[in-house]
C-alpha atoms as a PDB file:
ATOM      1  CA  MET A   1      45.450 -35.738 -49.068  1.00  0.00           C
ATOM      2  CA  THR A   2      45.888 -35.021 -45.486  1.00  0.00           C
ATOM      3  CA  GLU A   3      43.273 -32.597 -44.192  1.00  0.00           C
ATOM      4  CA  LYS A   4      44.638 -29.382 -42.678  1.00  0.00           C
ATOM      5  CA  HIS A   5      43.795 -28.895 -39.077  1.00  0.00           C
ATOM      6  CA  LYS A   6      41.331 -26.005 -38.595  1.00  0.00           C
ATOM      7  CA  GLY A   7      41.500 -25.895 -34.843  1.00  0.00           C
ATOM      8  CA  ASN A   8      43.692 -23.667 -32.644  1.00  0.00           C
ATOM      9  CA  LYS A   9      47.339 -23.693 -33.541  1.00  0.00           C
ATOM     10  CA  THR A  10      49.815 -24.917 -31.032  1.00  0.00           C
ATOM     11  CA  GLY A  11      53.479 -24.181 -30.527  1.00  0.00           C
ATOM     12  CA  LYS A  12      55.312 -20.835 -30.474  1.00  0.00           C
ATOM     13  CA  PHE A  13      52.465 -18.975 -32.230  1.00  0.00           C
ATOM     14  CA  ALA A  14      49.821 -20.024 -29.764  1.00  0.00           C
ATOM     15  CA  ASP A  15      49.858 -16.627 -27.940  1.00  0.00           C
ATOM     16  CA  ARG A  16      48.463 -14.934 -31.103  1.00  0.00           C
ATOM     17  CA  ASN A  17      45.200 -16.871 -30.928  1.00  0.00           C
ATOM     18  CA  ILE A  18      42.216 -14.571 -30.115  1.00  0.00           C
ATOM     19  CA  THR A  19      38.523 -15.080 -29.817  1.00  0.00           C
ATOM     20  CA  ARG A  20      35.747 -12.939 -31.366  1.00  0.00           C
ATOM     21  CA  SER A  21      35.074 -11.455 -27.904  1.00  0.00           C
ATOM     22  CA  ASP A  22      38.712 -10.521 -27.464  1.00  0.00           C
ATOM     23  CA  ALA A  23      38.762  -8.807 -30.850  1.00  0.00           C
ATOM     24  CA  LYS A  24      35.683  -6.749 -29.967  1.00  0.00           C
ATOM     25  CA  LYS A  25      37.270  -5.619 -26.720  1.00  0.00           C
ATOM     26  CA  SER A  26      40.460  -4.645 -28.520  1.00  0.00           C
ATOM     27  CA  VAL A  27      38.559  -2.472 -30.985  1.00  0.00           C
ATOM     28  CA  GLU A  28      36.708  -0.774 -28.116  1.00  0.00           C
ATOM     29  CA  ARG A  29      39.984  -0.067 -26.342  1.00  0.00           C
ATOM     30  CA  ILE A  30      41.419   1.519 -29.500  1.00  0.00           C
ATOM     31  CA  PHE A  31      38.286   3.674 -29.935  1.00  0.00           C
ATOM     32  CA  ILE A  32      38.390   4.869 -26.313  1.00  0.00           C
ATOM     33  CA  ARG A  33      42.108   5.645 -26.632  1.00  0.00           C
ATOM     34  CA  ASN A  34      41.462   7.701 -29.793  1.00  0.00           C
ATOM     35  CA  LEU A  35      38.527   9.441 -28.130  1.00  0.00           C
ATOM     36  CA  LEU A  36      40.658  10.440 -25.130  1.00  0.00           C
ATOM     37  CA  ALA A  37      43.439  11.649 -27.427  1.00  0.00           C
ATOM     38  CA  SER A  38      40.890  13.806 -29.280  1.00  0.00           C
ATOM     39  CA  ALA A  39      39.665  15.290 -26.014  1.00  0.00           C
ATOM     40  CA  VAL A  40      43.259  16.157 -25.018  1.00  0.00           C
ATOM     41  CA  VAL A  41      43.850  17.866 -28.362  1.00  0.00           C
ATOM     42  CA  ILE A  42      40.661  19.897 -27.983  1.00  0.00           C
ATOM     43  CA  CYS A  43      41.533  20.873 -24.388  1.00  0.00           C
ATOM     44  CA  VAL A  44      44.963  22.114 -25.475  1.00  0.00           C
ATOM     45  CA  VAL A  45      43.516  24.064 -28.408  1.00  0.00           C
ATOM     46  CA  GLY A  46      40.648  25.392 -26.274  1.00  0.00           C
ATOM     47  CA  GLY A  47      43.094  26.510 -23.593  1.00  0.00           C
ATOM     48  CA  GLY A  48      45.114  28.311 -26.252  1.00  0.00           C
ATOM     49  CA  VAL A  49      41.968  30.069 -27.456  1.00  0.00           C
ATOM     50  CA  LEU A  50      41.103  31.094 -23.897  1.00  0.00           C
ATOM     51  CA  TRP A  51      44.630  32.458 -23.312  1.00  0.00           C
ATOM     52  CA  TYR A  52      44.564  34.392 -26.610  1.00  0.00           C
ATOM     53  CA  ARG A  53      41.168  35.928 -25.836  1.00  0.00           C
ATOM     54  CA  SER A  54      42.297  36.958 -22.328  1.00  0.00           C
ATOM     55  CA  GLN A  55      45.271  38.772 -23.839  1.00  0.00           C
ATOM     56  CA  ALA A  56      43.393  40.375 -26.730  1.00  0.00           C
ATOM     57  CA  ALA A  57      40.032  41.242 -25.228  1.00  0.00           C
ATOM     58  CA  GLY A  58      40.972  42.057 -21.639  1.00  0.00           C
ATOM     59  CA  PRO A  59      39.393  41.148 -18.302  1.00  0.00           C
ATOM     60  CA  ALA A  60      36.038  42.673 -19.258  1.00  0.00           C
ATOM     61  CA  ASP A  61      35.340  39.648 -21.502  1.00  0.00           C
ATOM     62  CA  ASP A  62      35.920  36.917 -18.888  1.00  0.00           C
ATOM     63  CA  ARG A  63      32.404  35.513 -19.233  1.00  0.00           C
ATOM     64  CA  MET A  64      32.641  35.329 -23.031  1.00  0.00           C
ATOM     65  CA  GLN A  65      36.073  33.661 -22.690  1.00  0.00           C
ATOM     66  CA  ALA A  66      34.668  30.979 -20.390  1.00  0.00           C
ATOM     67  CA  GLU A  67      31.782  30.284 -22.739  1.00  0.00           C
ATOM     68  CA  THR A  68      34.109  29.983 -25.732  1.00  0.00           C
ATOM     69  CA  ALA A  69      36.431  27.631 -23.868  1.00  0.00           C
ATOM     70  CA  ALA A  70      33.544  25.465 -22.728  1.00  0.00           C
ATOM     71  CA  ALA A  71      32.256  25.178 -26.292  1.00  0.00           C
ATOM     72  CA  ALA A  72      35.729  24.335 -27.586  1.00  0.00           C
ATOM     73  CA  VAL A  73      36.232  21.376 -25.255  1.00  0.00           C
ATOM     74  CA  THR A  74      32.862  19.652 -25.916  1.00  0.00           C
ATOM     75  CA  VAL A  75      33.505  15.936 -26.404  1.00  0.00           C
ATOM     76  CA  PRO A  76      32.630  14.855 -29.986  1.00  0.00           C
ATOM     77  CA  GLU A  77      30.099  12.089 -30.719  1.00  0.00           C
ATOM     78  CA  ALA A  78      31.283   8.507 -30.791  1.00  0.00           C
ATOM     79  CA  GLY A  79      32.674   7.393 -34.121  1.00  0.00           C
ATOM     80  CA  THR A  80      34.412  10.708 -34.975  1.00  0.00           C
ATOM     81  CA  GLY A  81      37.953  10.121 -36.102  1.00  0.00           C
ATOM     82  CA  THR A  82      40.990  11.750 -34.474  1.00  0.00           C
ATOM     83  CA  ALA A  83      42.028  13.649 -37.606  1.00  0.00           C
ATOM     84  CA  GLU A  84      38.475  14.949 -38.145  1.00  0.00           C
ATOM     85  CA  VAL A  85      38.228  16.125 -34.505  1.00  0.00           C
ATOM     86  CA  ALA A  86      41.595  17.901 -34.653  1.00  0.00           C
ATOM     87  CA  SER A  87      40.620  19.654 -37.884  1.00  0.00           C
ATOM     88  CA  THR A  88      37.292  20.776 -36.427  1.00  0.00           C
ATOM     89  CA  ALA A  89      38.977  22.041 -33.255  1.00  0.00           C
ATOM     90  CA  ALA A  90      41.608  23.942 -35.246  1.00  0.00           C
ATOM     91  CA  THR A  91      38.892  25.597 -37.334  1.00  0.00           C
ATOM     92  CA  ALA A  92      36.966  26.579 -34.189  1.00  0.00           C
ATOM     93  CA  ALA A  93      40.130  27.977 -32.605  1.00  0.00           C
ATOM     94  CA  ALA A  94      40.925  30.087 -35.668  1.00  0.00           C
ATOM     95  CA  SER A  95      37.369  31.388 -35.788  1.00  0.00           C
ATOM     96  CA  ALA A  96      37.438  32.265 -32.072  1.00  0.00           C
ATOM     97  CA  ALA A  97      40.774  34.029 -32.482  1.00  0.00           C
ATOM     98  CA  ASP A  98      39.413  36.141 -35.339  1.00  0.00           C
ATOM     99  CA  THR A  99      36.367  37.043 -33.251  1.00  0.00           C
ATOM    100  CA  ALA A 100      38.534  38.067 -30.295  1.00  0.00           C
ATOM    101  CA  ALA A 101      40.788  40.205 -32.463  1.00  0.00           C
ATOM    102  CA  THR A 102      37.795  41.917 -34.061  1.00  0.00           C
ATOM    103  CA  ALA A 103      36.207  42.612 -30.660  1.00  0.00           C
ATOM    104  CA  ALA A 104      39.455  44.041 -29.288  1.00  0.00           C
ATOM    105  CA  THR A 105      39.781  46.373 -32.274  1.00  0.00           C
ATOM    106  CA  ALA A 106      36.153  47.477 -32.293  1.00  0.00           C
ATOM    107  CA  ALA A 107      35.822  48.306 -28.566  1.00  0.00           C
ATOM    108  CA  PRO A 108      38.229  50.993 -27.244  1.00  0.00           C
ATOM    109  CA  ALA A 109      39.284  50.689 -23.616  1.00  0.00           C
ATOM    110  CA  VAL A 110      38.251  54.287 -22.845  1.00  0.00           C
ATOM    111  CA  PRO A 111      35.222  56.005 -24.405  1.00  0.00           C
ATOM    112  CA  LEU A 112      36.214  59.004 -26.482  1.00  0.00           C
ATOM    113  CA  ALA A 113      34.904  62.416 -25.504  1.00  0.00           C
ATOM    114  CA  GLU A 114      34.023  65.060 -28.064  1.00  0.00           C
ATOM    115  CA  ILE A 115      36.495  67.937 -28.298  1.00  0.00           C
ATOM    116  CA  PRO A 116      34.732  70.787 -30.119  1.00  0.00           C
ATOM    117  CA  ILE A 117      37.823  73.006 -30.402  1.00  0.00           C
ATOM    118  CA  ASP A 118      39.770  72.932 -33.658  1.00  0.00           C
ATOM    119  CA  PHE A 119      43.222  73.112 -32.063  1.00  0.00           C
ATOM    120  CA  LYS A 120      44.995  72.522 -35.361  1.00  0.00           C
ATOM    121  CA  THR A 121      43.464  75.652 -36.887  1.00  0.00           C
ATOM    122  CA  LEU A 122      43.862  77.564 -33.608  1.00  0.00           C
ATOM    123  CA  HIS A 123      47.603  76.862 -33.539  1.00  0.00           C
ATOM    124  CA  GLU A 124      48.058  78.378 -36.981  1.00  0.00           C
ATOM    125  CA  THR A 125      47.447  81.864 -35.525  1.00  0.00           C
ATOM    126  CA  CYS A 126      47.867  81.234 -31.781  1.00  0.00           C
ATOM    127  CA  PRO A 127      50.843  78.888 -31.365  1.00  0.00           C
ATOM    128  CA  ASP A 128      50.954  79.208 -27.570  1.00  0.00           C
ATOM    129  CA  ALA A 129      47.285  78.291 -27.039  1.00  0.00           C
ATOM    130  CA  TYR A 130      47.324  74.866 -25.396  1.00  0.00           C
ATOM    131  CA  ALA A 131      43.831  74.628 -23.880  1.00  0.00           C
ATOM    132  CA  TRP A 132      40.369  76.159 -23.878  1.00  0.00           C
ATOM    133  CA  ILE A 133      38.184  77.050 -20.889  1.00  0.00           C
ATOM    134  CA  ARG A 134      34.393  77.329 -20.737  1.00  0.00           C
ATOM    135  CA  ILE A 135      32.097  78.200 -17.844  1.00  0.00           C
ATOM    136  CA  PRO A 136      28.327  77.947 -18.468  1.00  0.00           C
ATOM    137  CA  ASP A 137      26.200  81.065 -17.892  1.00  0.00           C
ATOM    138  CA  THR A 138      29.227  83.356 -18.167  1.00  0.00           C
ATOM    139  CA  ASN A 139      31.205  85.014 -20.972  1.00  0.00           C
ATOM    140  CA  ILE A 140      34.213  82.874 -20.127  1.00  0.00           C
ATOM    141  CA  ASP A 141      34.893  80.921 -23.314  1.00  0.00           C
ATOM    142  CA  TYR A 142      38.534  81.483 -24.263  1.00  0.00           C
ATOM    143  CA  PRO A 143      41.761  79.833 -25.326  1.00  0.00           C
ATOM    144  CA  VAL A 144      44.436  79.442 -22.653  1.00  0.00           C
ATOM    145  CA  CYS A 145      47.991  80.500 -23.531  1.00  0.00           C
ATOM    146  CA  GLN A 146      51.423  80.017 -21.998  1.00  0.00           C
ATOM    147  CA  MET A 147      54.866  81.344 -22.867  1.00  0.00           C
ATOM    148  CA  VAL A 148      57.152  78.349 -22.426  1.00  0.00           C
ATOM    149  CA  GLU A 149      60.207  80.618 -22.411  1.00  0.00           C
ATOM    150  CA  GLY A 150      60.612  84.359 -22.042  1.00  0.00           C
ATOM    151  CA  ASP A 151      58.320  86.921 -20.440  1.00  0.00           C
ATOM    152  CA  GLN A 152      55.780  85.032 -18.331  1.00  0.00           C
ATOM    153  CA  LEU A 153      53.519  88.123 -18.273  1.00  0.00           C
ATOM    154  CA  PHE A 154      53.484  88.444 -22.060  1.00  0.00           C
ATOM    155  CA  TYR A 155      49.828  87.396 -22.397  1.00  0.00           C
ATOM    156  CA  LEU A 156      48.750  89.816 -19.700  1.00  0.00           C
ATOM    157  CA  TYR A 157      48.707  92.457 -22.453  1.00  0.00           C
ATOM    158  CA  HIS A 158      48.652  90.424 -25.675  1.00  0.00           C
ATOM    159  CA  ARG A 159      45.973  88.504 -27.523  1.00  0.00           C
ATOM    160  CA  PRO A 160      46.450  84.802 -28.215  1.00  0.00           C
ATOM    161  CA  ASP A 161      47.704  85.757 -31.711  1.00  0.00           C
ATOM    162  CA  LYS A 162      50.431  87.831 -29.968  1.00  0.00           C
ATOM    163  CA  THR A 163      49.100  91.227 -31.048  1.00  0.00           C
ATOM    164  CA  ASP A 164      49.003  94.021 -28.460  1.00  0.00           C
ATOM    165  CA  GLU A 165      45.819  94.189 -26.412  1.00  0.00           C
ATOM    166  CA  PHE A 166      45.260  95.763 -22.995  1.00  0.00           C
ATOM    167  CA  ALA A 167      42.677  93.091 -22.143  1.00  0.00           C
ATOM    168  CA  GLY A 168      45.291  90.440 -22.801  1.00  0.00           C
ATOM    169  CA  SER A 169      44.431  86.714 -22.762  1.00  0.00           C
ATOM    170  CA  ILE A 170      43.657  83.954 -20.346  1.00  0.00           C
ATOM    171  CA  TYR A 171      47.050  82.468 -19.548  1.00  0.00           C
ATOM    172  CA  SER A 172      49.204  80.424 -17.208  1.00  0.00           C
ATOM    173  CA  GLU A 173      52.869  80.745 -16.325  1.00  0.00           C
ATOM    174  CA  ASN A 174      55.444  78.071 -16.998  1.00  0.00           C
ATOM    175  CA  TYR A 175      55.548  77.170 -13.314  1.00  0.00           C
ATOM    176  CA  ASN A 176      52.661  74.960 -14.362  1.00  0.00           C
ATOM    177  CA  LYS A 177      52.768  72.088 -16.825  1.00  0.00           C
ATOM    178  CA  ARG A 178      50.393  72.294 -19.759  1.00  0.00           C
ATOM    179  CA  ASP A 179      48.633  69.015 -19.022  1.00  0.00           C
ATOM    180  CA  PHE A 180      46.945  70.273 -15.805  1.00  0.00           C
ATOM    181  CA  SER A 181      48.598  67.500 -13.798  1.00  0.00           C
ATOM    182  CA  ASP A 182      50.068  69.801 -11.117  1.00  0.00           C
ATOM    183  CA  PRO A 183      48.449  69.834  -7.659  1.00  0.00           C
ATOM    184  CA  VAL A 184      47.451  73.461  -8.323  1.00  0.00           C
ATOM    185  CA  THR A 185      47.175  75.005 -11.792  1.00  0.00           C
ATOM    186  CA  VAL A 186      46.630  78.776 -11.893  1.00  0.00           C
ATOM    187  CA  LEU A 187      45.004  80.591 -14.814  1.00  0.00           C
ATOM    188  CA  TYR A 188      45.056  84.405 -14.903  1.00  0.00           C
ATOM    189  CA  GLY A 189      42.753  86.890 -16.598  1.00  0.00           C
ATOM    190  CA  HIS A 190      41.884  90.595 -16.376  1.00  0.00           C
ATOM    191  CA  ASP A 191      38.785  91.898 -14.613  1.00  0.00           C
ATOM    192  CA  MET A 192      37.541  93.941 -17.581  1.00  0.00           C
ATOM    193  CA  SER A 193      34.723  96.479 -17.106  1.00  0.00           C
ATOM    194  CA  ASN A 194      33.065  95.311 -20.340  1.00  0.00           C
ATOM    195  CA  GLY A 195      32.575  91.823 -18.907  1.00  0.00           C
ATOM    196  CA  SER A 196      35.314  90.141 -20.932  1.00  0.00           C
ATOM    197  CA  MET A 197      38.196  87.938 -19.831  1.00  0.00           C
ATOM    198  CA  PHE A 198      37.745  86.865 -16.172  1.00  0.00           C
ATOM    199  CA  GLN A 199      35.371  89.652 -15.100  1.00  0.00           C
ATOM    200  CA  ASN A 200      32.488  87.186 -14.883  1.00  0.00           C
ATOM    201  CA  LEU A 201      34.280  85.281 -12.129  1.00  0.00           C
ATOM    202  CA  HIS A 202      32.831  87.921  -9.837  1.00  0.00           C
ATOM    203  CA  PHE A 203      29.410  86.375 -10.460  1.00  0.00           C
ATOM    204  CA  TYR A 204      30.501  83.885  -7.799  1.00  0.00           C
ATOM    205  CA  GLU A 205      30.343  86.663  -5.222  1.00  0.00           C
ATOM    206  CA  GLY A 206      26.595  86.030  -5.237  1.00  0.00           C
ATOM    207  CA  ARG A 207      25.596  83.095  -3.068  1.00  0.00           C
ATOM    208  CA  ASP A 208      22.924  81.904  -5.467  1.00  0.00           C
ATOM    209  CA  PHE A 209      25.309  81.853  -8.411  1.00  0.00           C
ATOM    210  CA  PHE A 210      27.966  80.072  -6.335  1.00  0.00           C
ATOM    211  CA  ASP A 211      25.488  77.390  -5.271  1.00  0.00           C
ATOM    212  CA  ASN A 212      24.052  76.767  -8.739  1.00  0.00           C
ATOM    213  CA  ASN A 213      26.952  77.189 -11.183  1.00  0.00           C
ATOM    214  CA  LYS A 214      29.581  74.622 -10.299  1.00  0.00           C
ATOM    215  CA  ASN A 215      30.716  73.272 -13.665  1.00  0.00           C
ATOM    216  CA  VAL A 216      33.910  74.343 -15.417  1.00  0.00           C
ATOM    217  CA  THR A 217      35.220  72.557 -18.522  1.00  0.00           C
ATOM    218  CA  VAL A 218      38.735  72.657 -19.918  1.00  0.00           C
ATOM    219  CA  TYR A 219      39.543  71.213 -23.340  1.00  0.00           C
ATOM    220  CA  THR A 220      43.002  70.197 -24.488  1.00  0.00           C
ATOM    221  CA  PRO A 221      43.936  68.598 -27.832  1.00  0.00           C
ATOM    222  CA  ASP A 222      43.606  65.111 -26.352  1.00  0.00           C
ATOM    223  CA  LYS A 223      41.223  65.257 -23.411  1.00  0.00           C
ATOM    224  CA  VAL A 224      38.311  66.953 -21.668  1.00  0.00           C
ATOM    225  CA  LEU A 225      38.718  67.969 -18.026  1.00  0.00           C
ATOM    226  CA  HIS A 226      35.622  68.437 -15.896  1.00  0.00           C
ATOM    227  CA  TYR A 227      35.986  70.589 -12.782  1.00  0.00           C
ATOM    228  CA  ARG A 228      33.587  71.505 -10.004  1.00  0.00           C
ATOM    229  CA  VAL A 229      33.758  74.860  -8.195  1.00  0.00           C
ATOM    230  CA  PHE A 230      34.205  74.456  -4.433  1.00  0.00           C
ATOM    231  CA  ALA A 231      35.485  77.895  -3.329  1.00  0.00           C
ATOM    232  CA  ALA A 232      35.351  81.538  -4.425  1.00  0.00           C
ATOM    233  CA  TYR A 233      36.934  84.237  -2.293  1.00  0.00           C
ATOM    234  CA  ASN A 234      39.042  87.380  -1.912  1.00  0.00           C
ATOM    235  CA  THR A 235      42.563  86.895  -0.623  1.00  0.00           C
ATOM    236  CA  ASN A 236      46.001  88.544  -0.646  1.00  0.00           C
ATOM    237  CA  ASP A 237      48.029  88.951  -3.816  1.00  0.00           C
ATOM    238  CA  ASP A 238      50.832  86.557  -2.891  1.00  0.00           C
ATOM    239  CA  HIS A 239      52.106  84.449  -5.777  1.00  0.00           C
ATOM    240  CA  LEU A 240      50.325  81.201  -5.023  1.00  0.00           C
ATOM    241  CA  LEU A 241      52.784  78.865  -6.744  1.00  0.00           C
ATOM    242  CA  LEU A 242      56.114  80.490  -5.929  1.00  0.00           C
ATOM    243  CA  ASN A 243      55.201  81.036  -2.272  1.00  0.00           C
ATOM    244  CA  ASN A 244      54.483  77.310  -1.923  1.00  0.00           C
ATOM    245  CA  ASP A 245      57.266  75.868  -4.114  1.00  0.00           C
ATOM    246  CA  ASN A 246      54.648  74.743  -6.633  1.00  0.00           C
ATOM    247  CA  PHE A 247      53.158  72.484  -3.939  1.00  0.00           C
ATOM    248  CA  ARG A 248      55.797  69.827  -4.535  1.00  0.00           C
ATOM    249  CA  ASP A 249      55.589  68.807  -0.871  1.00  0.00           C
ATOM    250  CA  PRO A 250      52.344  66.845  -0.279  1.00  0.00           C
ATOM    251  CA  GLU A 251      52.183  68.126   3.289  1.00  0.00           C
ATOM    252  CA  VAL A 252      52.303  71.739   2.085  1.00  0.00           C
ATOM    253  CA  PHE A 253      49.538  70.954  -0.390  1.00  0.00           C
ATOM    254  CA  GLU A 254      47.343  69.333   2.253  1.00  0.00           C
ATOM    255  CA  ALA A 255      47.861  72.278   4.594  1.00  0.00           C
ATOM    256  CA  PHE A 256      46.793  74.608   1.776  1.00  0.00           C
ATOM    257  CA  GLU A 257      43.635  72.569   1.180  1.00  0.00           C
ATOM    258  CA  LYS A 258      42.755  72.625   4.870  1.00  0.00           C
ATOM    259  CA  SER A 259      43.215  76.391   5.005  1.00  0.00           C
ATOM    260  CA  ILE A 260      40.703  76.827   2.154  1.00  0.00           C
ATOM    261  CA  LEU A 261      38.130  74.540   3.767  1.00  0.00           C
ATOM    262  CA  ALA A 262      38.590  76.401   7.045  1.00  0.00           C
ATOM    263  CA  GLY A 263      37.724  79.702   5.336  1.00  0.00           C
ATOM    264  CA  ASP A 264      41.186  81.207   5.714  1.00  0.00           C
ATOM    265  CA  PHE A 265      40.500  84.131   3.359  1.00  0.00           C
ATOM    266  CA  TYR A 266      39.101  87.663   3.490  1.00  0.00           C
ATOM    267  CA  SER A 267      35.580  87.000   2.259  1.00  0.00           C
ATOM    268  CA  GLY A 268      33.786  84.506   0.046  1.00  0.00           C
ATOM    269  CA  TYR A 269      32.279  81.045   0.012  1.00  0.00           C
ATOM    270  CA  VAL A 270      33.581  77.506   0.326  1.00  0.00           C
ATOM    271  CA  ASN A 271      32.045  74.057   0.208  1.00  0.00           C
ATOM    272  CA  GLU A 272      33.413  72.614   3.443  1.00  0.00           C
ATOM    273  CA  ASP A 273      32.507  69.089   2.321  1.00  0.00           C
ATOM    274  CA  ALA A 274      34.665  69.195  -0.808  1.00  0.00           C
ATOM    275  CA  PRO A 275      36.571  65.853  -0.977  1.00  0.00           C
ATOM    276  CA  LEU A 276      40.098  67.271  -1.050  1.00  0.00           C
ATOM    277  CA  ASP A 277      43.188  65.150  -0.385  1.00  0.00           C
ATOM    278  CA  ARG A 278      46.823  64.993  -1.452  1.00  0.00           C
ATOM    279  CA  ASN A 279      45.821  63.423  -4.778  1.00  0.00           C
ATOM    280  CA  SER A 280      43.417  66.222  -5.708  1.00  0.00           C
ATOM    281  CA  ARG A 281      43.994  68.474  -8.701  1.00  0.00           C
ATOM    282  CA  ILE A 282      42.858  72.045  -8.160  1.00  0.00           C
ATOM    283  CA  LEU A 283      42.288  74.592 -10.919  1.00  0.00           C
ATOM    284  CA  THR A 284      42.570  78.156  -9.580  1.00  0.00           C
ATOM    285  CA  LEU A 285      41.109  81.001 -11.650  1.00  0.00           C
ATOM    286  CA  SER A 286      42.654  84.306 -10.605  1.00  0.00           C
ATOM    287  CA  THR A 287      41.595  87.894 -11.349  1.00  0.00           C
ATOM    288  CA  CYS A 288      41.653  91.365  -9.790  1.00  0.00           C
ATOM    289  CA  ASN A 289      39.178  92.867  -7.356  1.00  0.00           C
ATOM    290  CA  ALA A 290      38.703  96.416  -6.102  1.00  0.00           C
ATOM    291  CA  TYR A 291      41.930  96.348  -4.065  1.00  0.00           C
ATOM    292  CA  ASP A 292      45.453  96.548  -5.475  1.00  0.00           C
ATOM    293  CA  ASP A 293      46.862  94.189  -2.871  1.00  0.00           C
ATOM    294  CA  GLN A 294      44.241  91.472  -3.298  1.00  0.00           C
ATOM    295  CA  ARG A 295      43.130  88.830  -5.775  1.00  0.00           C
ATOM    296  CA  TYR A 296      39.774  87.167  -6.363  1.00  0.00           C
ATOM    297  CA  LEU A 297      40.038  83.402  -6.760  1.00  0.00           C
ATOM    298  CA  VAL A 298      37.584  80.781  -7.966  1.00  0.00           C
ATOM    299  CA  GLN A 299      38.847  77.289  -7.230  1.00  0.00           C
ATOM    300  CA  CYS A 300      37.672  74.075  -8.858  1.00  0.00           C
ATOM    301  CA  LEU A 301      38.309  70.408  -8.146  1.00  0.00           C
ATOM    302  CA  LEU A 302      39.003  68.024 -11.021  1.00  0.00           C
ATOM    303  CA  VAL A 303      36.229  65.425 -10.919  1.00  0.00           C
ATOM    304  CA  GLU A 304      36.611  63.688 -14.285  1.00  0.00           C
ATOM    305  CA  SER A 305      39.092  63.433 -17.121  1.00  0.00           C
ATOM    306  CA  GLU A 306      37.969  61.999 -20.460  1.00  0.00           C
ATOM    307  CA  ASP A 307      40.269  61.019 -23.273  1.00  0.00           C
ATOM    308  CA  GLY A 308      39.008  62.449 -26.521  1.00  0.00           C
ATOM    309  CA  VAL A 309      39.603  62.951 -30.196  1.00  0.00           C
ATOM    310  CA  TYR A 310      38.842  65.992 -32.327  1.00  0.00           C
ATOM    311  CA  THR A 311      37.036  65.778 -35.643  1.00  0.00           C
ATOM    312  CA  PRO A 312      35.903  68.742 -37.790  1.00  0.00           C
ATOM    313  CA  GLU A 313      32.387  67.285 -37.906  1.00  0.00           C
ATOM    314  CA  GLN A 314      32.114  67.544 -34.127  1.00  0.00           C
ATOM    315  CA  ALA A 315      33.136  71.191 -34.251  1.00  0.00           C
ATOM    316  CA  GLU A 316      30.527  71.961 -36.932  1.00  0.00           C
ATOM    317  CA  GLU A 317      27.789  70.279 -34.894  1.00  0.00           C
ATOM    318  CA  THR A 318      28.778  72.273 -31.814  1.00  0.00           C
ATOM    319  CA  GLU A 319      28.753  75.570 -33.698  1.00  0.00           C
ATOM    320  CA  GLU A 320      25.250  74.875 -35.033  1.00  0.00           C
END
């Protein structure tokens, strides 16, 4: 029997002949190619995770996003298969997405402020009450009403529940919006001899009280507005809003601000350093004084607005 040749084949199949060294190199090339493919998959998935977190969690979580992305694209140890790497990366991406969604839901963009006024119950008897004003160290702690249509002086002689009352209510006219977003919002109240309504505004006629009692708080159903008193003075009884076309012209508004800071009034006090500009929001509290042709005004600058939410528990805690 003729012995088969065990050496290298010749002819048209000769190009298939490989050595042990060549085979080893081929395997290494395949492994490196798979490893690079795995890294690409992880980079794509990691980038997707980073994009999702940036959309869900917002710019405040940039550092956490970077750390998550860096962890996602860590190159696996040698010997890990492509399918295993892709599965692990997909699991990590899903886990990161769940974490981002949970964080976005748990952390509100704006801290909620407590609103201690039960507006829902208040509206049952006082449908036109849209806000509440409080000034520390005074008796001023009242709902604020507004007639949207009809007699704008209705609450001058009616309680918030619309019953007749000489002392009336604290109110605004419909020249102002109810969200206190106008350049100047004017609230009116009687100067009652028993100290009710806006009588205690006259406390600001004392320099010591003016210097040490600056805070005024206004609550609405959805926010808390913090004001700071910067002027208190006697002036004429001109209608502040109508005489200035509701301050729609920014130049008219700025001129009005400058006149206050310059002390353009009969008597009173003003903080000349108050940071007023055309973007300011001024709350003007208006009441009578001893003269029929004058008004006494206390003016406050909006310094902070907090979004809030009312809960009955908050109201109970405040009452206690």
